[in-house]
Protein backbone atom coordinates (compact mmCIF):
# COMPACT_ATOMS: atom_id res chain seq x y z
CA UNK A 1 94.62 101.61 111.20
CA UNK A 2 97.28 99.02 111.84
CA UNK A 3 100.79 100.37 112.16
CA UNK A 4 103.91 98.23 112.55
CA UNK A 5 105.09 97.58 116.09
CA UNK A 6 106.43 94.67 118.14
CA UNK A 7 103.30 92.61 117.51
CA UNK A 8 102.18 93.73 114.03
CA UNK A 9 104.68 93.01 111.29
CA UNK A 10 105.32 95.43 108.47
CA UNK A 11 103.57 93.06 106.03
CA UNK A 12 100.39 93.20 108.11
CA UNK A 13 100.45 96.98 108.51
CA UNK A 14 98.33 99.52 106.70
CA UNK A 15 101.49 101.12 105.26
CA UNK A 16 102.48 97.97 103.40
CA UNK A 17 98.98 97.33 102.11
CA UNK A 18 98.65 100.93 100.90
CA UNK A 19 101.97 100.56 99.08
CA UNK A 20 100.67 97.40 97.38
CA UNK A 21 97.55 99.25 96.24
CA UNK A 22 99.58 102.21 95.02
CA UNK A 23 101.75 99.92 92.91
CA UNK A 24 98.65 98.38 91.28
CA UNK A 25 97.03 101.69 90.31
CA UNK A 26 97.89 102.75 86.78
CA UNK A 27 94.50 103.82 85.39
CA UNK A 28 91.12 104.92 86.68
CA UNK A 29 89.35 102.02 88.39
CA UNK A 30 86.23 101.64 90.48
CA UNK A 31 86.56 100.81 94.16
CA UNK A 32 84.76 97.49 93.77
CA UNK A 33 86.95 96.44 90.84
CA UNK A 34 90.08 97.31 92.80
CA UNK A 35 88.89 95.40 95.85
CA UNK A 36 87.97 92.32 93.82
CA UNK A 37 91.35 92.26 92.10
CA UNK A 38 93.42 92.88 95.24
CA UNK A 39 91.38 91.33 98.09
CA UNK A 40 93.97 88.60 98.61
CA UNK A 41 96.17 91.21 100.34
CA UNK A 42 93.51 92.20 102.90
CA UNK A 43 91.93 90.48 105.88
CA UNK A 44 88.62 92.23 105.38
CA UNK A 45 86.99 95.27 103.82
CA UNK A 46 88.05 97.49 106.74
CA UNK A 47 91.74 96.83 105.96
CA UNK A 48 91.12 97.79 102.34
CA UNK A 49 89.36 101.02 103.32
CA UNK A 50 92.20 101.90 105.73
CA UNK A 51 94.71 101.52 102.90
CA UNK A 52 92.57 103.67 100.59
CA UNK A 53 92.20 106.30 103.32
CA UNK A 54 95.96 106.45 103.78
CA UNK A 55 96.55 106.88 100.05
CA UNK A 56 93.91 109.62 99.93
CA UNK A 57 95.36 111.50 102.90
CA UNK A 58 98.83 111.32 101.34
CA UNK A 59 97.41 112.82 98.15
CA UNK A 60 98.28 109.79 96.02
CA UNK A 61 94.70 109.10 94.88
CA UNK A 62 91.50 111.03 94.42
CA UNK A 63 87.91 110.09 93.73
CA UNK A 64 86.24 111.24 90.55
CA UNK A 65 82.80 112.30 91.75
CA UNK A 66 81.24 112.02 88.29
CA UNK A 67 81.99 108.35 87.58
CA UNK A 68 82.91 107.07 91.07
CA UNK A 69 86.35 105.87 90.03
CA UNK A 70 89.65 106.22 91.81
CA UNK A 71 92.31 108.06 89.88
CA UNK A 72 95.99 108.46 90.53
CA UNK A 73 96.69 112.03 91.62
């Protein structure tokens, strides 16, 4: 997980990217749909997963086990 420091700017950090994802979530969406629509913000899939992990740990999103979609908590 990238955190801001002297070398990594805030815009490149996981915190910023998680905030971008949180602002885009307004309805249930699958992980692949979300990645396809927002991949311009991420260097690779690992950055995207880090941002999702942070949102999950903060309790901002949850995964619906029945349909595999992310929902806003």
